[in-house]
Amino acid sequence: MRNLLLAMLAAVSLGALAKLPPPSDEAKAKAAEAAAKTAHSGKVAAFQLCKSMEKVAARYAADAAKAGKPVKPTETPACVDPGPFGAAPAAPAPAAPAKKS
């Protein structure tokens, strides 16, 4: 029984070590587009977070001013709107080699 179990385990592990074929160009393009969408989603989330933090800070400053407490604002970078998602631009063509004179 033990030998049978070891043989089955060896057969399963050999299947797990098999190499997959390289992805097709279409699969590579889909993966690149998915990566671009994920990156854009991250930029949108960062923009939304930045805008909400600005709103909270403005509310805090207004409430503190009403209470007569001095508030010193901290300089922060401006929120950057990533705009709508567009397909990733095509990779630039490789530069031509310089000619020797």
PDB file of N, CA and C in Angstrom:
ATOM      1  N   MET A   1       0.829  -1.191   0.000  1.00  0.00           N
ATOM      2  CA  MET A   1       0.000   0.000   0.000  1.00  0.00           C
ATOM      3  C   MET A   1       0.874   1.255   0.000  1.00  0.00           C
ATOM      4  N   ARG A   2       1.938   1.205   0.769  1.00  0.00           N
ATOM      5  CA  ARG A   2       2.822   2.368   0.863  1.00  0.00           C
ATOM      6  C   ARG A   2       3.513   2.626  -0.474  1.00  0.00           C
ATOM      7  N   ASN A   3       3.928   1.562  -1.141  1.00  0.00           N
ATOM      8  CA  ASN A   3       4.597   1.721  -2.438  1.00  0.00           C
ATOM      9  C   ASN A   3       3.646   2.311  -3.478  1.00  0.00           C
ATOM     10  N   LEU A   4       2.389   1.903  -3.423  1.00  0.00           N
ATOM     11  CA  LEU A   4       1.402   2.431  -4.345  1.00  0.00           C
ATOM     12  C   LEU A   4       1.200   3.931  -4.109  1.00  0.00           C
ATOM     13  N   LEU A   5       1.155   4.305  -2.853  1.00  0.00           N
ATOM     14  CA  LEU A   5       0.995   5.714  -2.508  1.00  0.00           C
ATOM     15  C   LEU A   5       2.191   6.532  -2.979  1.00  0.00           C
ATOM     16  N   LEU A   6       3.390   5.992  -2.789  1.00  0.00           N
ATOM     17  CA  LEU A   6       4.600   6.703  -3.241  1.00  0.00           C
ATOM     18  C   LEU A   6       4.631   6.813  -4.762  1.00  0.00           C
ATOM     19  N   ALA A   7       4.206   5.758  -5.457  1.00  0.00           N
ATOM     20  CA  ALA A   7       4.191   5.784  -6.920  1.00  0.00           C
ATOM     21  C   ALA A   7       3.194   6.837  -7.419  1.00  0.00           C
ATOM     22  N   MET A   8       2.032   6.922  -6.773  1.00  0.00           N
ATOM     23  CA  MET A   8       1.039   7.914  -7.173  1.00  0.00           C
ATOM     24  C   MET A   8       1.547   9.334  -6.897  1.00  0.00           C
ATOM     25  N   LEU A   9       2.208   9.511  -5.773  1.00  0.00           N
ATOM     26  CA  LEU A   9       2.764  10.819  -5.431  1.00  0.00           C
ATOM     27  C   LEU A   9       3.838  11.223  -6.431  1.00  0.00           C
ATOM     28  N   ALA A  10       4.689  10.288  -6.837  1.00  0.00           N
ATOM     29  CA  ALA A  10       5.732  10.575  -7.816  1.00  0.00           C
ATOM     30  C   ALA A  10       5.119  10.955  -9.158  1.00  0.00           C
ATOM     31  N   ALA A  11       4.059  10.260  -9.578  1.00  0.00           N
ATOM     32  CA  ALA A  11       3.423  10.560 -10.854  1.00  0.00           C
ATOM     33  C   ALA A  11       2.797  11.950 -10.839  1.00  0.00           C
ATOM     34  N   VAL A  12       2.169  12.318  -9.740  1.00  0.00           N
ATOM     35  CA  VAL A  12       1.551  13.639  -9.634  1.00  0.00           C
ATOM     36  C   VAL A  12       2.618  14.722  -9.616  1.00  0.00           C
ATOM     37  N   SER A  13       3.714  14.490  -8.911  1.00  0.00           N
ATOM     38  CA  SER A  13       4.759  15.522  -8.828  1.00  0.00           C
ATOM     39  C   SER A  13       5.449  15.709 -10.170  1.00  0.00           C
ATOM     40  N   LEU A  14       5.600  14.644 -10.966  1.00  0.00           N
ATOM     41  CA  LEU A  14       6.212  14.796 -12.286  1.00  0.00           C
ATOM     42  C   LEU A  14       5.306  15.628 -13.195  1.00  0.00           C
ATOM     43  N   GLY A  15       4.024  15.457 -13.072  1.00  0.00           N
ATOM     44  CA  GLY A  15       3.100  16.262 -13.869  1.00  0.00           C
ATOM     45  C   GLY A  15       3.163  17.729 -13.482  1.00  0.00           C
ATOM     46  N   ALA A  16       3.402  18.001 -12.227  1.00  0.00           N
ATOM     47  CA  ALA A  16       3.482  19.388 -11.763  1.00  0.00           C
ATOM     48  C   ALA A  16       4.745  20.070 -12.253  1.00  0.00           C
ATOM     49  N   LEU A  17       5.783  19.282 -12.548  1.00  0.00           N
ATOM     50  CA  LEU A  17       7.050  19.853 -12.993  1.00  0.00           C
ATOM     51  C   LEU A  17       7.108  20.038 -14.507  1.00  0.00           C
ATOM     52  N   ALA A  18       6.092  19.621 -15.229  1.00  0.00           N
ATOM     53  CA  ALA A  18       6.089  19.740 -16.686  1.00  0.00           C
ATOM     54  C   ALA A  18       6.108  21.211 -17.083  1.00  0.00           C
ATOM     55  N   LYS A  19       6.801  21.497 -18.174  1.00  0.00           N
ATOM     56  CA  LYS A  19       6.886  22.877 -18.657  1.00  0.00           C
ATOM     57  C   LYS A  19       5.662  23.226 -19.485  1.00  0.00           C
ATOM     58  N   LEU A  20       5.166  24.428 -19.297  1.00  0.00           N
ATOM     59  CA  LEU A  20       4.059  24.924 -20.095  1.00  0.00           C
ATOM     60  C   LEU A  20       4.612  25.544 -21.370  1.00  0.00           C
ATOM     61  N   PRO A  21       3.857  25.520 -22.458  1.00  0.00           N
ATOM     62  CA  PRO A  21       4.333  26.169 -23.678  1.00  0.00           C
ATOM     63  C   PRO A  21       4.359  27.684 -23.478  1.00  0.00           C
ATOM     64  N   PRO A  22       5.204  28.373 -24.217  1.00  0.00           N
ATOM     65  CA  PRO A  22       5.256  29.833 -24.078  1.00  0.00           C
ATOM     66  C   PRO A  22       3.924  30.438 -24.506  1.00  0.00           C
ATOM     67  N   PRO A  23       3.538  31.563 -23.886  1.00  0.00           N
ATOM     68  CA  PRO A  23       2.255  32.185 -24.241  1.00  0.00           C
ATOM     69  C   PRO A  23       2.286  32.742 -25.660  1.00  0.00           C
ATOM     70  N   SER A  24       1.128  32.748 -26.299  1.00  0.00           N
ATOM     71  CA  SER A  24       1.031  33.293 -27.652  1.00  0.00           C
ATOM     72  C   SER A  24       1.094  34.822 -27.590  1.00  0.00           C
ATOM     73  N   ASP A  25       1.242  35.417 -28.763  1.00  0.00           N
ATOM     74  CA  ASP A  25       1.288  36.881 -28.819  1.00  0.00           C
ATOM     75  C   ASP A  25      -0.023  37.479 -28.328  1.00  0.00           C
ATOM     76  N   GLU A  26      -1.134  36.815 -28.637  1.00  0.00           N
ATOM     77  CA  GLU A  26      -2.437  37.304 -28.190  1.00  0.00           C
ATOM     78  C   GLU A  26      -2.539  37.249 -26.670  1.00  0.00           C
ATOM     79  N   ALA A  27      -2.035  36.166 -26.078  1.00  0.00           N
ATOM     80  CA  ALA A  27      -2.062  36.043 -24.617  1.00  0.00           C
ATOM     81  C   ALA A  27      -1.167  37.095 -23.973  1.00  0.00           C
ATOM     82  N   LYS A  28      -0.034  37.355 -24.599  1.00  0.00           N
ATOM     83  CA  LYS A  28       0.873  38.390 -24.075  1.00  0.00           C
ATOM     84  C   LYS A  28       0.200  39.759 -24.129  1.00  0.00           C
ATOM     85  N   ALA A  29      -0.514  40.039 -25.231  1.00  0.00           N
ATOM     86  CA  ALA A  29      -1.192  41.333 -25.367  1.00  0.00           C
ATOM     87  C   ALA A  29      -2.293  41.472 -24.323  1.00  0.00           C
ATOM     88  N   LYS A  30      -3.039  40.393 -24.091  1.00  0.00           N
ATOM     89  CA  LYS A  30      -4.093  40.439 -23.075  1.00  0.00           C
ATOM     90  C   LYS A  30      -3.496  40.659 -21.689  1.00  0.00           C
ATOM     91  N   ALA A  31      -2.376  40.015 -21.416  1.00  0.00           N
ATOM     92  CA  ALA A  31      -1.723  40.187 -20.116  1.00  0.00           C
ATOM     93  C   ALA A  31      -1.221  41.617 -19.951  1.00  0.00           C
ATOM     94  N   ALA A  32      -0.682  42.184 -21.020  1.00  0.00           N
ATOM     95  CA  ALA A  32      -0.189  43.565 -20.953  1.00  0.00           C
ATOM     96  C   ALA A  32      -1.348  44.533 -20.726  1.00  0.00           C
ATOM     97  N   GLU A  33      -2.489  44.277 -21.398  1.00  0.00           N
ATOM     98  CA  GLU A  33      -3.646  45.152 -21.205  1.00  0.00           C
ATOM     99  C   GLU A  33      -4.196  45.016 -19.791  1.00  0.00           C
ATOM    100  N   ALA A  34      -4.212  43.804 -19.269  1.00  0.00           N
ATOM    101  CA  ALA A  34      -4.687  43.604 -17.897  1.00  0.00           C
ATOM    102  C   ALA A  34      -3.773  44.320 -16.907  1.00  0.00           C
ATOM    103  N   ALA A  35      -2.460  44.282 -17.156  1.00  0.00           N
ATOM    104  CA  ALA A  35      -1.518  44.981 -16.282  1.00  0.00           C
ATOM    105  C   ALA A  35      -1.734  46.493 -16.357  1.00  0.00           C
ATOM    106  N   ALA A  36      -2.001  47.000 -17.569  1.00  0.00           N
ATOM    107  CA  ALA A  36      -2.242  48.438 -17.729  1.00  0.00           C
ATOM    108  C   ALA A  36      -3.519  48.853 -17.012  1.00  0.00           C
ATOM    109  N   LYS A  37      -4.565  48.012 -17.107  1.00  0.00           N
ATOM    110  CA  LYS A  37      -5.816  48.327 -16.417  1.00  0.00           C
ATOM    111  C   LYS A  37      -5.614  48.327 -14.910  1.00  0.00           C
ATOM    112  N   THR A  38      -4.846  47.377 -14.416  1.00  0.00           N
ATOM    113  CA  THR A  38      -4.577  47.311 -12.981  1.00  0.00           C
ATOM    114  C   THR A  38      -3.801  48.546 -12.516  1.00  0.00           C
ATOM    115  N   ALA A  39      -2.809  48.943 -13.298  1.00  0.00           N
ATOM    116  CA  ALA A  39      -2.035  50.130 -12.947  1.00  0.00           C
ATOM    117  C   ALA A  39      -2.919  51.377 -12.958  1.00  0.00           C
ATOM    118  N   HIS A  40      -3.797  51.477 -13.952  1.00  0.00           N
ATOM    119  CA  HIS A  40      -4.696  52.631 -14.027  1.00  0.00           C
ATOM    120  C   HIS A  40      -5.657  52.634 -12.840  1.00  0.00           C
ATOM    121  N   SER A  41      -6.159  51.466 -12.469  1.00  0.00           N
ATOM    122  CA  SER A  41      -7.055  51.376 -11.312  1.00  0.00           C
ATOM    123  C   SER A  41      -6.354  51.859 -10.052  1.00  0.00           C
ATOM    124  N   GLY A  42      -5.086  51.533  -9.911  1.00  0.00           N
ATOM    125  CA  GLY A  42      -4.314  52.010  -8.765  1.00  0.00           C
ATOM    126  C   GLY A  42      -4.170  53.521  -8.770  1.00  0.00           C
ATOM    127  N   LYS A  43      -3.966  54.092  -9.952  1.00  0.00           N
ATOM    128  CA  LYS A  43      -3.849  55.548 -10.057  1.00  0.00           C
ATOM    129  C   LYS A  43      -5.173  56.231  -9.730  1.00  0.00           C
ATOM    130  N   VAL A  44      -6.272  55.638 -10.184  1.00  0.00           N
ATOM    131  CA  VAL A  44      -7.592  56.200  -9.886  1.00  0.00           C
ATOM    132  C   VAL A  44      -7.857  56.134  -8.386  1.00  0.00           C
ATOM    133  N   ALA A  45      -7.517  55.004  -7.771  1.00  0.00           N
ATOM    134  CA  ALA A  45      -7.719  54.865  -6.328  1.00  0.00           C
ATOM    135  C   ALA A  45      -6.883  55.883  -5.556  1.00  0.00           C
ATOM    136  N   ALA A  46      -5.645  56.099  -5.979  1.00  0.00           N
ATOM    137  CA  ALA A  46      -4.789  57.084  -5.321  1.00  0.00           C
ATOM    138  C   ALA A  46      -5.360  58.496  -5.476  1.00  0.00           C
ATOM    139  N   PHE A  47      -5.906  58.797  -6.660  1.00  0.00           N
ATOM    140  CA  PHE A  47      -6.510  60.103  -6.889  1.00  0.00           C
ATOM    141  C   PHE A  47      -7.726  60.301  -5.987  1.00  0.00           C
ATOM    142  N   GLN A  48      -8.579  59.286  -5.911  1.00  0.00           N
ATOM    143  CA  GLN A  48      -9.771  59.388  -5.070  1.00  0.00           C
ATOM    144  C   GLN A  48      -9.397  59.545  -3.597  1.00  0.00           C
ATOM    145  N   LEU A  49      -8.369  58.822  -3.160  1.00  0.00           N
ATOM    146  CA  LEU A  49      -7.905  58.955  -1.783  1.00  0.00           C
ATOM    147  C   LEU A  49      -7.373  60.361  -1.534  1.00  0.00           C
ATOM    148  N   CYS A  50      -6.615  60.886  -2.469  1.00  0.00           N
ATOM    149  CA  CYS A  50      -6.054  62.233  -2.333  1.00  0.00           C
ATOM    150  C   CYS A  50      -7.170  63.269  -2.214  1.00  0.00           C
ATOM    151  N   LYS A  51      -8.186  63.155  -3.073  1.00  0.00           N
ATOM    152  CA  LYS A  51      -9.297  64.110  -3.023  1.00  0.00           C
ATOM    153  C   LYS A  51     -10.058  64.016  -1.700  1.00  0.00           C
ATOM    154  N   SER A  52     -10.256  62.800  -1.191  1.00  0.00           N
ATOM    155  CA  SER A  52     -10.979  62.660   0.076  1.00  0.00           C
ATOM    156  C   SER A  52     -10.145  63.200   1.234  1.00  0.00           C
ATOM    157  N   MET A  53      -8.829  63.024   1.184  1.00  0.00           N
ATOM    158  CA  MET A  53      -7.970  63.569   2.248  1.00  0.00           C
ATOM    159  C   MET A  53      -7.987  65.094   2.219  1.00  0.00           C
ATOM    160  N   GLU A  54      -8.020  65.676   1.017  1.00  0.00           N
ATOM    161  CA  GLU A  54      -8.119  67.135   0.909  1.00  0.00           C
ATOM    162  C   GLU A  54      -9.434  67.627   1.507  1.00  0.00           C
ATOM    163  N   LYS A  55     -10.504  66.909   1.242  1.00  0.00           N
ATOM    164  CA  LYS A  55     -11.820  67.286   1.761  1.00  0.00           C
ATOM    165  C   LYS A  55     -11.841  67.224   3.288  1.00  0.00           C
ATOM    166  N   VAL A  56     -11.273  66.152   3.857  1.00  0.00           N
ATOM    167  CA  VAL A  56     -11.232  66.011   5.315  1.00  0.00           C
ATOM    168  C   VAL A  56     -10.368  67.106   5.926  1.00  0.00           C
ATOM    169  N   ALA A  57      -9.225  67.390   5.305  1.00  0.00           N
ATOM    170  CA  ALA A  57      -8.340  68.433   5.831  1.00  0.00           C
ATOM    171  C   ALA A  57      -9.015  69.803   5.783  1.00  0.00           C
ATOM    172  N   ALA A  58      -9.744  70.079   4.692  1.00  0.00           N
ATOM    173  CA  ALA A  58     -10.443  71.364   4.588  1.00  0.00           C
ATOM    174  C   ALA A  58     -11.534  71.465   5.653  1.00  0.00           C
ATOM    175  N   ARG A  59     -12.231  70.382   5.897  1.00  0.00           N
ATOM    176  CA  ARG A  59     -13.283  70.384   6.933  1.00  0.00           C
ATOM    177  C   ARG A  59     -12.667  70.592   8.313  1.00  0.00           C
ATOM    178  N   TYR A  60     -11.547  69.920   8.570  1.00  0.00           N
ATOM    179  CA  TYR A  60     -10.869  70.077   9.858  1.00  0.00           C
ATOM    180  C   TYR A  60     -10.411  71.522  10.051  1.00  0.00           C
ATOM    181  N   ALA A  61      -9.816  72.094   9.009  1.00  0.00           N
ATOM    182  CA  ALA A  61      -9.338  73.475   9.111  1.00  0.00           C
ATOM    183  C   ALA A  61     -10.500  74.433   9.355  1.00  0.00           C
ATOM    184  N   ALA A  62     -11.634  74.214   8.677  1.00  0.00           N
ATOM    185  CA  ALA A  62     -12.798  75.081   8.868  1.00  0.00           C
ATOM    186  C   ALA A  62     -13.348  74.954  10.285  1.00  0.00           C
ATOM    187  N   ASP A  63     -13.430  73.727  10.797  1.00  0.00           N
ATOM    188  CA  ASP A  63     -13.927  73.519  12.163  1.00  0.00           C
ATOM    189  C   ASP A  63     -12.978  74.124  13.189  1.00  0.00           C
ATOM    190  N   ALA A  64     -11.672  73.990  12.954  1.00  0.00           N
ATOM    191  CA  ALA A  64     -10.692  74.555  13.878  1.00  0.00           C
ATOM    192  C   ALA A  64     -10.761  76.082  13.852  1.00  0.00           C
ATOM    193  N   ALA A  65     -10.976  76.667  12.675  1.00  0.00           N
ATOM    194  CA  ALA A  65     -11.074  78.131  12.567  1.00  0.00           C
ATOM    195  C   ALA A  65     -12.306  78.634  13.308  1.00  0.00           C
ATOM    196  N   LYS A  66     -13.408  77.890  13.210  1.00  0.00           N
ATOM    197  CA  LYS A  66     -14.624  78.284  13.943  1.00  0.00           C
ATOM    198  C   LYS A  66     -14.399  78.226  15.445  1.00  0.00           C
ATOM    199  N   ALA A  67     -13.591  77.271  15.891  1.00  0.00           N
ATOM    200  CA  ALA A  67     -13.320  77.118  17.315  1.00  0.00           C
ATOM    201  C   ALA A  67     -12.228  78.081  17.784  1.00  0.00           C
ATOM    202  N   GLY A  68     -11.618  78.804  16.870  1.00  0.00           N
ATOM    203  CA  GLY A  68     -10.591  79.773  17.237  1.00  0.00           C
ATOM    204  C   GLY A  68      -9.218  79.158  17.435  1.00  0.00           C
ATOM    205  N   LYS A  69      -9.023  77.949  16.943  1.00  0.00           N
ATOM    206  CA  LYS A  69      -7.712  77.294  17.063  1.00  0.00           C
ATOM    207  C   LYS A  69      -6.893  77.571  15.809  1.00  0.00           C
ATOM    208  N   PRO A  70      -5.632  77.953  15.995  1.00  0.00           N
ATOM    209  CA  PRO A  70      -4.801  78.190  14.811  1.00  0.00           C
ATOM    210  C   PRO A  70      -4.431  76.864  14.139  1.00  0.00           C
ATOM    211  N   VAL A  71      -4.527  76.835  12.824  1.00  0.00           N
ATOM    212  CA  VAL A  71      -4.177  75.646  12.051  1.00  0.00           C
ATOM    213  C   VAL A  71      -3.124  76.026  11.034  1.00  0.00           C
ATOM    214  N   LYS A  72      -2.011  75.323  11.069  1.00  0.00           N
ATOM    215  CA  LYS A  72      -0.946  75.565  10.096  1.00  0.00           C
ATOM    216  C   LYS A  72      -1.036  74.462   9.043  1.00  0.00           C
ATOM    217  N   PRO A  73      -1.442  74.800   7.818  1.00  0.00           N
ATOM    218  CA  PRO A  73      -1.580  73.764   6.790  1.00  0.00           C
ATOM    219  C   PRO A  73      -0.220  73.210   6.371  1.00  0.00           C
ATOM    220  N   THR A  74      -0.220  71.953   6.012  1.00  0.00           N
ATOM    221  CA  THR A  74       0.985  71.284   5.531  1.00  0.00           C
ATOM    222  C   THR A  74       0.947  71.250   4.013  1.00  0.00           C
ATOM    223  N   GLU A  75       2.038  71.612   3.391  1.00  0.00           N
ATOM    224  CA  GLU A  75       2.103  71.592   1.930  1.00  0.00           C
ATOM    225  C   GLU A  75       2.149  70.142   1.456  1.00  0.00           C
ATOM    226  N   THR A  76       1.283  69.813   0.527  1.00  0.00           N
ATOM    227  CA  THR A  76       1.246  68.474  -0.059  1.00  0.00           C
ATOM    228  C   THR A  76       1.191  68.612  -1.569  1.00  0.00           C
ATOM    229  N   PRO A  77       1.628  67.601  -2.288  1.00  0.00           N
ATOM    230  CA  PRO A  77       1.540  67.678  -3.745  1.00  0.00           C
ATOM    231  C   PRO A  77       0.080  67.660  -4.196  1.00  0.00           C
ATOM    232  N   ALA A  78      -0.171  68.272  -5.314  1.00  0.00           N
ATOM    233  CA  ALA A  78      -1.527  68.331  -5.852  1.00  0.00           C
ATOM    234  C   ALA A  78      -1.975  66.941  -6.300  1.00  0.00           C
ATOM    235  N   CYS A  79      -3.275  66.702  -6.230  1.00  0.00           N
ATOM    236  CA  CYS A  79      -3.835  65.433  -6.698  1.00  0.00           C
ATOM    237  C   CYS A  79      -3.782  65.416  -8.224  1.00  0.00           C
ATOM    238  N   VAL A  80      -3.359  64.301  -8.782  1.00  0.00           N
ATOM    239  CA  VAL A  80      -3.235  64.172 -10.227  1.00  0.00           C
ATOM    240  C   VAL A  80      -4.321  63.233 -10.735  1.00  0.00           C
ATOM    241  N   ASP A  81      -5.212  63.768 -11.569  1.00  0.00           N
ATOM    242  CA  ASP A  81      -6.288  62.964 -12.147  1.00  0.00           C
ATOM    243  C   ASP A  81      -5.713  62.137 -13.296  1.00  0.00           C
ATOM    244  N   PRO A  82      -5.807  60.790 -13.206  1.00  0.00           N
ATOM    245  CA  PRO A  82      -5.242  59.960 -14.270  1.00  0.00           C
ATOM    246  C   PRO A  82      -6.072  59.967 -15.546  1.00  0.00           C
ATOM    247  N   GLY A  83      -7.283  60.471 -15.505  1.00  0.00           N
ATOM    248  CA  GLY A  83      -8.129  60.499 -16.693  1.00  0.00           C
ATOM    249  C   GLY A  83      -8.707  59.125 -16.983  1.00  0.00           C
ATOM    250  N   PRO A  84      -9.438  58.999 -18.078  1.00  0.00           N
ATOM    251  CA  PRO A  84     -10.036  57.710 -18.411  1.00  0.00           C
ATOM    252  C   PRO A  84      -8.980  56.724 -18.886  1.00  0.00           C
ATOM    253  N   PHE A  85      -9.308  55.446 -18.750  1.00  0.00           N
ATOM    254  CA  PHE A  85      -8.375  54.413 -19.184  1.00  0.00           C
ATOM    255  C   PHE A  85      -8.339  54.365 -20.697  1.00  0.00           C
ATOM    256  N   GLY A  86      -7.147  54.321 -21.223  1.00  0.00           N
ATOM    257  CA  GLY A  86      -6.940  54.153 -22.658  1.00  0.00           C
ATOM    258  C   GLY A  86      -6.013  52.973 -22.850  1.00  0.00           C
ATOM    259  N   ALA A  87      -6.123  52.314 -23.945  1.00  0.00           N
ATOM    260  CA  ALA A  87      -5.251  51.166 -24.204  1.00  0.00           C
ATOM    261  C   ALA A  87      -3.802  51.624 -24.114  1.00  0.00           C
ATOM    262  N   ALA A  88      -2.973  50.743 -23.635  1.00  0.00           N
ATOM    263  CA  ALA A  88      -1.561  51.076 -23.468  1.00  0.00           C
ATOM    264  C   ALA A  88      -0.968  51.437 -24.824  1.00  0.00           C
ATOM    265  N   PRO A  89      -0.157  52.486 -24.872  1.00  0.00           N
ATOM    266  CA  PRO A  89       0.453  52.853 -26.147  1.00  0.00           C
ATOM    267  C   PRO A  89       1.399  51.754 -26.615  1.00  0.00           C
ATOM    268  N   ALA A  90       1.534  51.641 -27.907  1.00  0.00           N
ATOM    269  CA  ALA A  90       2.430  50.628 -28.469  1.00  0.00           C
ATOM    270  C   ALA A  90       3.862  50.940 -28.051  1.00  0.00           C
ATOM    271  N   ALA A  91       4.639  49.899 -27.902  1.00  0.00           N
ATOM    272  CA  ALA A  91       6.037  50.076 -27.509  1.00  0.00           C
ATOM    273  C   ALA A  91       6.759  50.835 -28.612  1.00  0.00           C
ATOM    274  N   PRO A  92       7.648  51.752 -28.240  1.00  0.00           N
ATOM    275  CA  PRO A  92       8.370  52.502 -29.267  1.00  0.00           C
ATOM    276  C   PRO A  92       9.279  51.572 -30.070  1.00  0.00           C
ATOM    277  N   ALA A  93       9.462  51.910 -31.328  1.00  0.00           N
ATOM    278  CA  ALA A  93      10.334  51.107 -32.194  1.00  0.00           C
ATOM    279  C   ALA A  93      11.764  51.233 -31.699  1.00  0.00           C
ATOM    280  N   PRO A  94      12.546  50.170 -31.810  1.00  0.00           N
ATOM    281  CA  PRO A  94      13.940  50.268 -31.363  1.00  0.00           C
ATOM    282  C   PRO A  94      14.696  51.290 -32.205  1.00  0.00           C
ATOM    283  N   ALA A  95      15.598  51.971 -31.561  1.00  0.00           N
ATOM    284  CA  ALA A  95      16.374  53.013 -32.243  1.00  0.00           C
ATOM    285  C   ALA A  95      17.313  52.373 -33.246  1.00  0.00           C
ATOM    286  N   ALA A  96      17.482  53.061 -34.370  1.00  0.00           N
ATOM    287  CA  ALA A  96      18.409  52.561 -35.397  1.00  0.00           C
ATOM    288  C   ALA A  96      19.839  52.734 -34.888  1.00  0.00           C
ATOM    289  N   PRO A  97      20.703  51.784 -35.214  1.00  0.00           N
ATOM    290  CA  PRO A  97      22.094  51.930 -34.755  1.00  0.00           C
ATOM    291  C   PRO A  97      22.757  53.134 -35.426  1.00  0.00           C
ATOM    292  N   ALA A  98      23.635  53.768 -34.695  1.00  0.00           N
ATOM    293  CA  ALA A  98      24.327  54.956 -35.201  1.00  0.00           C
ATOM    294  C   ALA A  98      25.269  54.545 -36.322  1.00  0.00           C
ATOM    295  N   LYS A  99      25.307  55.373 -37.362  1.00  0.00           N
ATOM    296  CA  LYS A  99      26.204  55.090 -38.498  1.00  0.00           C
ATOM    297  C   LYS A  99      27.609  55.562 -38.164  1.00  0.00           C
ATOM    298  N   LYS A 100      28.549  54.744 -38.556  1.00  0.00           N
ATOM    299  CA  LYS A 100      29.952  55.127 -38.351  1.00  0.00           C
ATOM    300  C   LYS A 100      30.431  55.850 -39.606  1.00  0.00           C
ATOM    301  N   SER A 101      31.080  56.974 -39.392  1.00  0.00           N
ATOM    302  CA  SER A 101      31.553  57.747 -40.542  1.00  0.00           C
ATOM    303  C   SER A 101      33.012  57.529 -40.761  1.00  0.00           C
TER     304      SER A 101
END
